[in-house]
Protein backbone atom coordinates (compact mmCIF):
# COMPACT_ATOMS: atom_id res chain seq x y z
CA ILE A 1 84.58 100.89 82.50
CA HIS A 2 87.02 100.80 79.87
CA PRO A 3 86.39 100.41 76.90
CA ARG A 4 82.84 101.69 77.48
CA PRO A 5 80.20 98.72 76.40
CA ASN A 6 77.58 99.54 74.03
CA ASP A 7 74.85 97.49 75.88
CA VAL A 8 75.53 98.55 79.60
CA LEU A 9 72.97 96.18 80.90
CA SER A 10 73.81 93.09 78.88
CA PHE A 11 77.33 93.67 80.00
CA LEU A 12 76.65 93.80 83.61
CA TRP A 13 74.15 90.75 83.28
CA ASN A 14 76.93 88.67 81.85
CA HIS A 15 79.42 90.01 84.38
CA LEU A 16 76.97 88.67 87.25
CA GLN A 17 76.76 85.34 85.60
CA LYS A 18 80.44 85.01 85.23
CA ASP A 19 80.99 86.33 88.82
CA LEU A 20 78.51 83.65 89.95
CA LYS A 21 80.11 80.44 88.12
CA VAL A 22 83.51 81.64 89.48
CA LEU A 23 82.27 82.00 93.08
CA GLY A 24 80.61 78.51 92.69
CA GLU A 25 83.65 77.12 91.65
CA THR A 26 85.71 78.61 94.39
CA LEU A 27 83.33 77.71 97.19
CA ASP A 28 82.70 74.32 95.69
CA LEU A 29 78.88 75.11 95.51
CA ASN A 30 76.22 74.31 93.01
CA MET A 31 74.18 77.54 91.46
CA ASP A 32 71.59 77.33 93.95
CA ASN A 33 73.78 77.64 96.84
CA THR A 34 76.00 79.95 95.27
CA ALA A 35 72.54 82.23 94.50
CA VAL A 36 71.86 81.62 98.31
CA THR A 37 75.38 82.65 99.55
CA VAL A 38 75.12 85.95 97.59
CA HIS A 39 71.68 86.55 99.36
CA LEU A 40 73.09 85.80 102.75
CA ILE A 41 75.85 88.53 102.10
CA LEU A 42 73.32 91.00 100.86
CA THR A 43 71.48 90.62 104.00
CA LYS A 44 74.45 91.61 105.97
CA LEU A 45 74.83 94.94 104.21
CA PRO A 46 73.62 97.82 106.30
CA THR A 47 70.31 99.40 105.24
CA GLY A 48 68.94 102.76 104.97
CA SER A 49 70.50 105.82 103.42
CA LEU A 50 74.30 106.60 103.50
CA VAL A 51 75.38 109.44 105.21
CA THR A 52 78.63 109.95 102.85
CA ARG A 53 79.16 107.92 99.59
CA PRO A 54 81.96 106.07 99.30
CA ASP A 55 84.90 107.46 96.96
CA LEU A 56 85.39 105.01 94.22
CA SER A 57 87.25 107.26 91.88
CA SER A 58 90.73 105.96 93.02
CA ARG A 59 92.11 102.87 93.36
CA GLN A 60 93.00 103.48 97.00
CA GLY A 61 89.44 104.45 97.82
CA ARG A 62 88.08 101.31 95.77
CA LYS A 63 90.33 99.14 98.00
CA GLN A 64 89.24 100.81 101.28
CA TRP A 65 85.58 100.07 100.28
CA GLU A 66 86.30 96.48 99.21
CA THR A 67 88.00 96.06 102.53
CA LEU A 68 85.00 97.47 104.48
CA VAL A 69 82.44 95.29 102.68
CA CYS A 70 84.56 92.09 103.35
CA LYS A 71 84.81 92.88 107.15
CA SER A 72 81.12 93.98 107.61
CA ALA A 73 79.38 91.42 105.38
CA ILE A 74 81.41 88.82 103.31
CA ASN A 75 83.53 87.54 106.21
CA LEU A 76 80.64 87.03 108.45
CA VAL A 77 79.01 84.57 105.95
CA LEU A 78 82.05 82.93 104.79
CA GLN A 79 83.34 82.19 108.39
CA ASP A 80 80.99 79.36 108.88
CA LEU A 81 79.50 78.97 105.43
CA GLN A 82 77.94 75.55 105.58
CA LYS A 83 76.33 76.23 108.91
CA ASN A 84 74.92 79.44 107.39
CA LEU A 85 73.87 77.35 104.30
CA SER A 86 72.12 74.77 106.24
CA ILE A 87 70.18 77.19 108.35
CA ALA A 88 69.14 78.98 105.11
CA GLN A 89 68.04 75.81 103.37
CA GLU A 90 66.01 74.78 106.45
CA ARG A 91 64.10 78.33 106.20
CA ILE A 92 63.56 77.79 102.76
CA ALA A 93 62.29 74.17 102.99
CA SER A 94 59.91 75.19 105.88
CA ASP A 95 58.35 77.98 103.52
CA ASP A 96 54.49 77.70 103.72
CA GLY A 97 54.67 77.84 99.91
CA LEU A 98 56.91 74.96 99.52
CA GLU A 99 55.41 72.74 102.41
CA GLY A 100 55.11 69.27 101.40
CA SER A 101 57.08 69.45 98.09
CA PRO A 102 58.68 65.88 97.13
CA LEU A 103 61.53 68.01 95.54
CA MET A 104 62.25 69.98 98.68
CA ASN A 105 61.72 66.66 100.79
CA ALA A 106 64.28 64.94 98.33
CA LEU A 107 66.72 67.81 98.56
CA PHE A 108 66.78 68.78 102.32
CA GLY A 109 64.35 66.70 104.23
CA ASP A 110 64.06 62.81 104.88
CA PRO A 111 62.04 61.24 102.03
CA GLY A 112 61.48 58.02 104.01
CA ALA A 113 57.85 58.24 104.50
CA MET A 114 57.53 58.57 100.69
CA LEU A 115 59.55 55.23 100.11
CA SER A 116 59.15 51.55 100.94
CA LEU A 117 62.34 51.07 102.48
CA PRO A 118 63.83 50.19 105.95
CA SER A 119 64.24 52.90 108.36
CA ASN A 120 67.00 51.59 110.47
CA CYS A 121 69.90 51.74 107.89
CA PRO A 122 71.98 54.84 107.75
CA THR A 123 72.33 54.51 104.08
CA HIS A 124 68.69 55.10 103.64
CA CYS A 125 68.74 58.77 104.19
CA SER A 126 69.18 61.08 101.15
CA SER A 127 71.46 63.24 102.87
CA PHE A 128 73.86 60.38 103.14
CA TRP A 129 73.91 60.30 99.16
CA THR A 130 75.07 64.06 99.13
CA LEU A 131 77.99 64.50 96.71
CA ARG A 132 81.10 64.86 98.87
CA GLU A 133 82.89 68.18 98.24
CA THR A 134 85.53 68.48 95.37
CA MET A 135 88.48 69.84 96.75
CA THR A 136 90.31 72.21 94.69
CA VAL A 137 92.97 74.93 95.44
CA GLU A 138 90.21 77.63 95.28
CA ARG A 139 88.28 75.47 97.89
CA PHE A 140 91.19 75.00 99.95
CA SER A 141 92.01 78.57 99.90
CA GLN A 142 88.50 79.39 101.13
CA PHE A 143 88.37 76.67 103.75
CA LEU A 144 91.62 77.90 105.19
CA GLY A 145 90.35 81.30 105.35
CA GLU A 146 87.28 80.34 107.19
CA THR A 147 89.59 78.47 109.89
CA PRO A 148 89.78 80.33 113.13
CA ALA A 149 93.26 79.20 113.88
CA ARG A 150 94.89 80.42 110.90
CA SER A 151 97.34 82.65 112.66
CA SER A 152 98.91 79.55 113.87
CA LEU A 153 99.66 78.56 110.22
CA PRO A 154 101.81 81.28 109.00
CA LEU A 155 103.56 79.23 106.24
CA LEU A 156 100.52 77.60 104.87
CA CYS A 157 98.34 80.80 104.76
CA LEU A 158 101.43 82.74 102.87
CA PHE A 159 101.78 79.87 100.40
CA ILE A 160 97.98 79.79 99.53
CA LYS A 161 98.04 83.58 99.36
CA LYS A 162 101.05 83.43 96.79
CA ILE A 163 99.55 80.28 94.89
CA ASN A 164 99.66 81.98 91.68
CA CYS A 165 103.20 83.22 91.87
CA VAL A 166 104.39 79.65 93.05
CA ARG A 167 102.81 78.31 89.85
CA GLN A 168 105.49 80.45 87.95
CA LEU A 169 108.32 80.24 90.14
CA HIS A 170 110.17 77.56 88.05
CA HIS A 171 110.56 80.07 84.98
CA LEU A 172 112.50 82.21 87.42
CA PRO A 173 116.21 80.94 86.23
CA GLU A 174 115.02 81.59 82.37
CA LEU A 175 113.87 84.98 83.21
CA ALA A 176 117.11 85.84 84.86
CA ALA A 177 119.01 84.46 81.92
CA LEU A 178 116.90 86.77 79.84
CA GLN A 179 117.99 89.74 81.82
CA ALA A 180 121.62 88.96 80.80
CA ASP A 181 120.88 88.22 77.21
CA LEU A 182 119.24 91.40 76.98
CA VAL A 183 122.04 93.62 78.32
CA ARG A 184 124.51 91.54 76.00
CA THR A 185 122.16 91.51 72.73
CA PHE A 186 120.83 95.13 72.91
CA PRO A 187 123.61 97.13 74.86
CA LEU A 188 123.64 100.81 75.47
CA MET A 189 120.32 101.27 74.08
CA SER A 190 117.97 103.95 75.62
CA GLY A 191 114.66 102.27 74.40
CA SER A 192 112.75 101.90 71.10
CA THR A 193 109.41 103.33 70.66
CA SER A 194 109.56 102.89 66.84
CA GLN A 195 110.16 99.01 66.97
CA THR A 196 108.00 96.18 68.19
CA ILE A 197 109.53 93.25 70.09
CA ALA A 198 109.10 91.07 67.11
CA GLN A 199 111.09 93.56 64.89
CA MET A 200 113.94 93.68 67.45
CA LEU A 201 114.10 89.95 67.80
CA HIS A 202 114.33 89.76 64.07
CA GLN A 203 117.43 92.12 63.77
CA ILE A 204 119.41 89.11 65.48
CA PRO A 205 120.87 86.70 62.95
CA ALA A 206 118.98 83.36 62.50
CA GLY A 207 120.49 80.75 64.48
CA TYR A 208 120.63 79.34 68.01
CA GLN A 209 121.03 82.96 69.73
CA ARG A 210 117.81 84.21 68.13
CA LYS A 211 115.94 80.89 68.95
CA THR A 212 117.02 80.91 72.49
CA LEU A 213 116.35 84.57 72.90
CA THR A 214 112.89 84.27 71.35
CA GLU A 215 111.87 81.38 73.49
CA ARG A 216 112.84 83.48 76.68
CA VAL A 217 110.99 86.61 75.43
CA ASP A 218 107.95 84.49 74.73
CA ARG A 219 108.17 83.01 78.42
CA PHE A 220 108.71 86.34 79.77
CA ILE A 221 105.31 87.63 78.12
CA SER A 222 103.28 84.78 79.17
CA VAL A 223 104.53 84.95 82.79
CA TRP A 224 104.01 88.88 82.90
CA ASN A 225 100.46 88.38 81.40
CA PHE A 226 99.69 85.74 84.22
CA LEU A 227 100.78 87.68 87.06
CA ARG A 228 100.09 91.15 85.76
CA VAL A 229 97.09 91.56 88.21
CA GLU A 230 99.08 90.30 91.01
CA VAL A 231 101.85 92.66 90.28
CA ALA A 232 99.21 95.54 90.11
CA ASN A 233 97.98 94.57 93.49
CA ASN A 234 101.42 94.75 94.96
CA SER A 235 102.39 97.90 92.89
CA ALA A 236 103.16 99.80 96.05
CA ASP A 237 105.75 97.45 97.35
CA LEU A 238 107.28 96.69 93.87
CA GLY A 239 107.37 100.44 92.82
CA VAL A 240 105.79 99.65 89.50
CA ASP A 241 103.30 101.85 87.50
CA VAL A 242 100.04 99.99 87.58
CA ASN A 243 99.32 101.34 84.09
CA LEU A 244 101.84 98.97 82.89
CA CYS A 245 99.83 96.12 84.08
CA GLU A 246 96.47 97.12 82.18
CA LYS A 247 97.24 95.63 78.88
CA GLU A 248 98.53 92.28 78.00
CA VAL A 249 101.99 92.18 76.53
CA THR A 250 102.49 90.70 72.76
CA THR A 251 105.09 90.44 70.45
CA GLU A 252 103.65 93.64 68.72
CA SER A 253 104.08 95.67 71.87
CA THR A 254 106.80 98.36 71.95
CA GLY A 255 110.55 97.12 71.91
CA GLU A 256 110.90 99.07 75.02
CA TYR A 257 110.12 96.01 77.05
CA LEU A 258 113.43 94.52 75.82
CA THR A 259 115.69 97.68 77.10
CA PRO A 260 116.21 97.04 80.77
CA CYS A 261 115.72 100.49 82.66
CA ARG A 262 114.25 101.54 86.05
CA TYR A 263 110.88 102.95 84.50
CA GLY A 264 108.56 102.40 81.89
CA PRO A 265 108.13 99.22 79.84
CA GLY A 266 111.80 98.37 80.21
CA SER A 267 111.19 97.93 84.06
CA CYS A 268 108.57 95.03 83.72
CA LEU A 269 111.13 92.14 83.29
CA GLN A 270 112.97 93.38 86.36
CA THR A 271 109.87 93.86 88.38
CA LEU A 272 108.85 90.40 87.47
CA VAL A 273 112.11 88.69 88.57
CA ASP A 274 112.03 90.86 91.92
CA PHE A 275 108.37 89.76 92.49
CA LEU A 276 108.80 86.14 91.96
CA SER A 277 112.38 86.23 93.91
CA GLU A 278 110.51 87.88 96.81
CA THR A 279 107.92 85.22 96.60
CA HIS A 280 110.46 82.40 96.97
CA ASN A 281 112.36 84.42 99.64
CA SER A 282 109.22 85.14 101.76
CA LEU A 283 108.26 81.38 101.69
CA VAL A 284 111.84 80.53 102.82
CA ARG A 285 111.97 83.16 105.43
CA VAL A 286 108.67 81.86 106.93
CA ALA A 287 109.64 78.24 106.72
CA ARG A 288 112.74 79.00 108.52
CA SER A 289 110.97 80.62 111.37
CA VAL A 290 108.71 77.61 111.56
CA ASN A 291 111.52 75.33 111.82
CA ALA A 292 114.12 77.08 114.22
CA HIS A 293 116.85 74.69 113.12
CA GLU A 294 117.02 75.68 109.52
CA ASP A 295 120.11 77.28 108.49
CA SER A 296 119.49 80.73 108.09
CA GLU A 297 122.52 81.88 106.41
CA TYR A 298 122.37 80.00 103.21
CA SER A 299 121.85 82.18 99.97
CA VAL A 300 122.83 82.12 96.28
CA PRO A 301 123.12 84.93 93.90
CA LEU A 302 120.11 85.20 91.38
CA GLY A 303 122.41 84.58 88.29
CA SER A 304 123.28 81.04 89.61
CA VAL A 305 119.78 79.91 91.15
CA SER A 306 118.67 76.67 89.72
CA GLU A 307 115.07 75.13 89.64
CA THR A 308 116.08 72.52 92.31
CA GLN A 309 116.83 75.48 94.81
CA LEU A 310 113.35 77.03 94.39
CA THR A 311 110.20 76.40 96.03
CA LEU A 312 108.54 74.08 93.37
CA CYS A 313 105.16 72.85 94.57
CA HIS A 314 102.57 72.23 91.72
CA PRO A 315 99.38 73.14 93.61
CA GLU A 316 97.06 70.40 91.70
CA ARG A 317 99.61 67.69 91.47
CA GLU A 318 101.41 68.05 94.79
CA LEU A 319 99.50 70.21 97.23
CA LEU A 320 96.11 68.71 97.02
CA PRO A 321 97.32 65.17 97.32
CA LEU A 322 98.94 66.44 100.57
CA VAL A 323 95.76 68.24 101.63
CA LEU A 324 93.64 65.08 100.89
CA ALA A 325 96.04 62.66 102.81
CA ASN A 326 95.65 64.66 105.97
CA CYS A 327 91.79 64.54 105.70
CA ASN A 328 89.55 62.79 108.33
CA TYR A 329 86.14 61.56 107.46
CA THR A 330 83.11 61.11 110.07
CA LEU A 331 79.63 59.48 109.38
CA GLU A 332 76.72 60.20 111.66
CA LYS A 333 73.63 58.17 111.41
CA GLY A 334 71.24 59.84 109.28
CA GLY A 335 73.47 62.68 108.27
CA GLU A 336 76.16 63.76 105.64
CA MET A 337 79.63 62.55 105.85
CA GLY A 338 81.80 65.27 107.34
CA SER A 339 85.41 65.96 106.71
CA SER A 340 88.02 67.74 108.43
CA TYR A 341 91.87 68.58 107.73
CA ASP A 342 94.99 68.45 109.91
CA LEU A 343 96.12 71.79 109.02
CA LEU A 344 99.04 71.73 111.12
CA ALA A 345 100.28 68.35 109.62
CA ILE A 346 99.87 69.91 106.21
CA GLN A 347 101.98 72.93 106.91
CA THR A 348 104.72 70.54 108.55
CA GLN A 349 104.78 68.41 105.39
CA LEU A 350 104.76 71.32 103.18
CA ALA A 351 107.80 72.73 104.96
CA ARG A 352 109.59 69.39 104.91
CA ARG A 353 108.90 68.36 101.45
CA PHE A 354 109.07 71.65 99.28
CA LEU A 355 111.10 74.28 101.53
CA ALA A 356 113.51 72.49 103.62
CA GLY A 357 117.12 73.36 102.77
CA LYS A 358 116.21 76.01 100.31
CA PRO A 359 118.36 79.22 99.87
CA LEU A 360 117.37 82.63 99.80
CA ILE A 361 117.86 84.45 96.68
CA GLN A 362 120.49 87.37 96.25
CA ALA A 363 119.09 90.13 94.06
CA ASP A 364 121.27 91.57 91.40
CA THR A 365 119.38 94.39 90.14
CA LEU A 366 121.88 97.23 89.19
CA ARG A 367 123.77 94.74 86.85
CA TYR A 368 120.78 94.75 84.46
CA LEU A 369 119.86 98.10 84.25
CA ASN A 370 120.57 100.04 81.10
CA ARG A 371 124.04 101.52 81.52
CA ARG A 372 123.34 104.45 79.10
CA LEU A 373 121.26 106.08 81.85
CA GLN A 374 124.51 107.41 82.90
CA ASP A 375 127.11 109.23 80.68
CA PHE A 376 129.78 106.54 80.46
CA SER A 377 132.41 109.29 79.87
CA VAL A 378 132.19 110.15 83.71
CA VAL A 379 133.21 106.54 84.47
CA LEU A 380 136.17 106.72 81.73
CA THR A 381 137.30 110.17 83.39
CA GLU A 382 137.31 108.72 86.87
CA VAL A 383 139.45 105.51 85.75
CA ARG A 384 142.00 108.12 83.89
CA THR A 385 142.45 110.05 87.30
CA LYS A 386 143.28 107.03 89.14
CA ILE A 387 145.15 104.81 86.65
CA HIS A 388 147.52 105.95 83.86
CA GLN A 389 146.26 104.65 80.47
CA GLU A 390 147.87 103.56 77.37
CA ALA A 391 147.11 101.94 74.01
CA LEU A 392 147.47 98.34 73.32
CA LYS A 393 150.08 97.40 70.77
CA GLY A 394 148.77 96.86 67.42
CA SER A 395 149.35 93.01 67.29
CA VAL A 396 147.52 92.76 70.45
CA SER A 397 144.56 94.81 69.18
CA SER A 398 144.55 92.53 65.74
CA ALA A 399 144.42 89.41 67.68
CA MET A 400 141.85 90.44 70.02
CA ARG A 401 139.60 91.21 66.88
CA THR A 402 140.40 87.72 65.43
CA VAL A 403 139.50 86.02 68.71
CA LEU A 404 136.21 87.81 68.92
CA ARG A 405 134.47 87.12 65.45
CA SER A 406 130.88 86.63 67.04
CA TYR A 407 128.93 89.65 67.89
CA THR A 408 127.64 87.80 70.91
CA ASP A 409 131.26 87.23 72.07
CA VAL A 410 131.98 91.15 71.54
CA CYS A 411 129.15 92.17 73.69
CA ASP A 412 130.09 89.58 76.41
CA ALA A 413 133.50 91.22 76.46
CA ILE A 414 132.03 94.52 76.64
CA PHE A 415 129.61 93.76 79.49
CA VAL A 416 132.46 92.36 81.66
CA VAL A 417 134.89 95.36 80.84
CA GLU A 418 132.25 97.90 81.75
CA ILE A 419 131.82 96.24 84.95
CA GLY A 420 135.38 96.46 85.71
CA LEU A 421 135.75 100.00 84.69
CA ARG A 422 132.91 100.99 87.02
CA PHE A 423 134.65 99.69 89.97
CA LEU A 424 138.06 100.68 89.02
CA GLY A 425 136.62 104.40 88.59
CA LYS A 426 136.01 104.28 92.25
CA THR A 427 138.72 102.03 93.63
CA GLY A 428 141.62 102.45 91.19
CA GLY A 429 144.39 99.73 90.81
CA ASP A 430 147.95 98.74 89.80
CA PRO A 431 148.32 99.69 86.02
CA GLU A 432 150.52 96.45 85.69
CA ARG A 433 148.01 94.16 86.90
CA HIS A 434 146.16 92.10 84.29
CA LEU A 435 142.52 92.98 83.72
CA LEU A 436 141.38 89.19 84.05
CA SER A 437 143.24 88.88 87.12
CA TYR A 438 141.00 91.73 88.60
CA LEU A 439 137.88 90.70 87.04
CA THR A 440 138.31 87.13 88.29
CA GLU A 441 140.00 87.45 91.64
CA SER A 442 138.82 91.09 92.83
CA LEU A 443 135.25 90.96 91.41
CA GLN A 444 134.77 87.25 91.32
CA MET A 445 133.38 87.19 87.84
CA GLY A 446 135.10 84.06 86.71
CA SER A 447 131.73 82.29 86.04
CA GLN A 448 130.28 85.16 83.88
CA ILE A 449 133.51 85.06 81.54
CA SER A 450 133.48 82.88 78.57
CA ASN A 451 136.63 81.02 77.34
CA THR A 452 136.43 83.12 74.18
CA VAL A 453 136.21 86.54 76.19
CA PHE A 454 138.86 85.03 78.38
CA LYS A 455 141.36 84.32 75.58
CA ALA A 456 140.73 87.69 73.94
CA LEU A 457 141.46 89.88 77.14
CA GLY A 458 144.43 87.87 78.09
CA GLU A 459 146.98 90.63 77.04
CA SER A 460 145.04 93.63 78.45
CA LYS A 461 146.22 95.24 81.83
CA LEU A 462 144.53 97.90 83.99
CA GLN A 463 146.62 100.43 81.89
CA HIS A 464 144.84 99.18 78.91
CA CYS A 465 141.30 99.06 80.24
CA ILE A 466 140.02 102.20 78.62
CA PHE A 467 141.59 101.60 75.17
CA THR A 468 140.10 97.80 75.17
CA TRP A 469 136.69 99.43 75.93
CA GLN A 470 137.03 101.77 72.99
CA LEU A 471 138.35 99.03 70.79
CA LEU A 472 135.64 96.51 71.58
CA ASN A 473 132.96 99.16 71.19
CA GLY A 474 134.32 100.08 67.81
CA TRP A 475 134.56 96.48 66.64
CA LYS A 476 131.03 95.62 67.86
CA SER A 477 129.91 98.57 65.21
CA GLU A 478 132.12 97.09 62.55
CA LEU A 479 130.49 93.77 63.10
CA LEU A 480 127.08 95.23 62.58
CA LEU A 481 128.36 96.93 59.50
CA ASN A 482 129.39 93.61 58.13
CA ARG A 483 125.80 92.45 58.65
CA LYS A 484 124.47 95.28 56.75
CA GLN A 485 123.02 96.82 59.91
CA ASP A 486 123.28 100.41 61.13
CA PRO A 487 125.29 100.64 64.49
CA PHE A 488 124.11 104.07 64.81
CA GLN A 489 120.51 103.76 64.52
CA LYS A 490 119.80 105.25 67.88
CA LEU A 491 121.55 108.30 67.18
CA PRO A 492 119.39 111.60 67.14
CA SER A 493 118.22 112.29 63.61
CA GLU A 494 120.43 115.56 63.70
CA PHE A 495 123.84 113.24 63.66
CA GLN A 496 122.42 111.09 60.62
CA GLN A 497 123.38 113.67 57.99
CA LYS A 498 125.28 112.35 54.81
CA LEU A 499 128.44 113.52 53.24
CA THR A 500 128.40 115.29 49.94
CA GLU A 501 130.75 113.63 47.11
CA GLU A 502 133.15 116.86 47.60
CA GLU A 503 133.18 116.39 51.28
CA ARG A 504 134.07 112.53 50.73
CA ARG A 505 137.02 113.59 48.32
CA ASP A 506 138.46 116.05 51.06
CA LEU A 507 137.88 113.26 53.82
CA LYS A 508 139.87 110.64 51.87
CA ALA A 509 142.82 113.19 51.49
CA PHE A 510 142.70 113.54 55.28
CA LEU A 511 142.61 109.75 55.81
CA ASP A 512 145.60 109.36 53.51
CA VAL A 513 147.79 111.11 56.15
CA THR A 514 146.27 110.53 59.53
CA ASP A 515 146.21 107.55 61.89
CA VAL A 516 142.97 105.95 60.78
CA ASP A 517 142.44 103.48 63.61
CA THR A 518 142.84 106.10 66.36
CA PHE A 519 140.76 108.53 64.26
CA ALA A 520 137.73 105.91 64.09
CA LEU A 521 138.11 105.08 67.84
CA GLU A 522 138.00 108.60 69.16
CA LEU A 523 135.07 109.43 66.86
CA HIS A 524 133.03 106.38 67.57
CA GLU A 525 133.53 107.36 71.39
CA ILE A 526 132.19 110.86 70.64
CA LEU A 527 129.13 109.51 68.70
CA LEU A 528 128.46 106.69 71.30
CA LEU A 529 128.81 108.84 74.63
CA LYS A 530 128.52 112.69 73.66
CA THR A 531 125.49 112.91 71.31
CA SER A 532 122.92 111.09 73.73
CA ASN A 533 120.12 113.07 75.24
CA THR A 534 121.36 111.50 78.50
CA ALA A 535 124.51 113.59 78.35
CA HIS A 536 122.32 116.58 79.03
CA ASP A 537 124.50 119.76 79.12
CA GLN A 538 127.75 117.62 78.32
CA ALA A 539 125.99 116.74 74.85
CA TYR A 540 127.95 117.70 71.61
CA GLN A 541 126.21 119.77 69.26
CA SER A 542 125.53 118.39 65.50
CA HIS A 543 126.66 121.90 64.25
CA TRP A 544 130.01 121.75 65.60
CA ASP A 545 132.84 120.85 63.27
CA ILE A 546 134.55 117.52 63.71
CA ARG A 547 138.15 119.00 63.73
CA SER A 548 137.63 121.29 66.41
CA THR A 549 135.60 118.82 68.51
CA LEU A 550 138.36 116.31 68.15
CA GLU A 551 141.00 118.63 69.29
CA VAL A 552 139.07 119.65 72.43
CA HIS A 553 138.10 116.02 72.98
CA LEU A 554 141.68 114.81 72.92
CA GLU A 555 142.99 117.81 75.10
CA GLN A 556 140.24 116.76 77.91
CA LYS A 557 141.65 113.41 77.77
CA THR A 558 145.27 114.75 77.99
CA LEU A 559 146.19 112.76 74.73
CA PRO A 560 148.40 114.08 72.02
CA PRO A 561 147.02 115.88 68.91
CA LEU A 562 145.95 113.59 66.02
CA LEU A 563 148.45 113.43 62.97
CA GLY A 564 147.33 115.48 60.27
CA LEU A 565 144.11 116.60 61.88
CA GLU A 566 144.70 120.08 60.42
CA ASP A 567 144.05 118.52 56.94
CA LEU A 568 140.46 117.66 57.94
CA PRO A 569 138.18 120.34 56.38
CA GLU A 570 136.47 122.53 59.01
CA GLU A 571 133.13 122.48 56.94
CA ILE A 572 132.27 118.83 57.88
CA PRO A 573 129.86 119.00 61.03
CA LEU A 574 129.65 116.56 63.80
CA GLY A 575 126.12 116.01 62.38
CA LYS A 576 127.70 114.04 59.59
CA GLY A 577 130.20 112.09 62.09
CA ALA A 578 128.47 108.66 61.57
CA ASP A 579 128.91 108.87 58.00
CA VAL A 580 132.52 109.93 58.27
CA TRP A 581 133.06 107.05 60.82
CA ARG A 582 131.66 104.67 58.22
CA ALA A 583 134.05 105.98 55.62
CA ALA A 584 136.91 105.73 57.93
CA VAL A 585 136.12 102.01 58.39
CA GLU A 586 135.65 101.47 54.62
CA PHE A 587 139.27 103.21 53.99
CA LYS A 588 140.80 100.87 56.72
CA ARG A 589 139.67 97.79 54.93
CA ARG A 590 141.31 98.60 51.52
């Protein structure tokens, strides 16, 4: 037990009381009948000494033991619970020690002999006045589990099994939108262990974007906490680490939850979206198999799915009325009022009202994974080998910066350009073709490109795509500088060194004679792509001097030497590159 309780006896006793309460609510039984049910189950357990003790040290071992107990004891009692309870109550009432008890006669017998009432009226029997069972989702689930014909009710059984996920399905579009938000708002981040979720959200300027993102993150936290036990139970299918499901997530949890990736906290949002998508898809597939006339080809991408296309059925407000509408009541003289349910009709109406015409959801996992998991310079190299690259004209570059004044717009532009580059690195293309034409026609990304981004990229061709990517990333960092934020906060500490006053004077002399725009773009690319731990053996070292590093870097890209590079002091190492880049940006603005 974690954490270990101080008073074990009190802890276990409270646990038993809570378990009895939950069991009674699930079975719709009073506390007496709940206790009798537990005793009936205990009597079904095998007696005598065990030859081998069950292995309860592992999750798999505990699951096997639980399955064995369910099959050998619990299911035998629950399959015909009311009959088993009636037999047990008769045995209790016939106990010699309770014989003749008015209370037992009132509860289980016929108290007619004790009362001066006519005996020929069916309502003059205590069993007639027994409270009718209260139908709840939990009770219906139990009732369905006791039904021998449940194999003929695949949709109804699956729906009840996934009822907790169905409760949260209407949040799926919002969670899918959050994935895209995180990729745009925190791009090229490998995760943050030093910051909390709240701190990362606080970095975003106050306004509509922060408000929307905060609301969506809060929704993710609440849905994850509600379903984390379900996720843990399906961890083998989802490929998620069950340790991530042990604790509730709060805004004070690590900021890694907001950096989408394949493993660790950053995988939780993707896991949740996959889990809810598969919940919907599994219900739709079974509904289509039940109704052979249903169109089996209809599907929509995750990014464009709407609430109306989802399996939305509120269990209490919509499922239970459907169940009660298909309930048949019977009354026998001197007996309780009985009830039965037309389960096949319930399944048919469930499929017709809530699943008919619903599409399957197409997953789009790779789009949301952290793109810094791969050294992006590999992608750029692949593009260069397939498409000749040139720089944009200065006027076009200035116009692009003018249009993209918003940090969010720049992130959106980087997002679509990176997707285009990844495809171009594999397929190549006509250098004269416009980049927007490729993105909207070949990649069908028109719906994902805002009007602002469309206008900004209007003059870029495939031969300009790498320069466009460089320009956008450099401009994004400059916008962060305008906000008094550090664009290089994720750089390893060895690349965060500061320039001395003498080095600043020497650097200024170099900036006076060089092409500052090109210098800033190339240095920014090195800092962005070649200083990360993900670059592995390709990573540049902080003690290398910037001058030699730039020379080799430009050579590898088959670009001409930078004007006046020989005037850059060799003593300035790459470890001071971030400070050098800031100085170059300040120089440009004068």
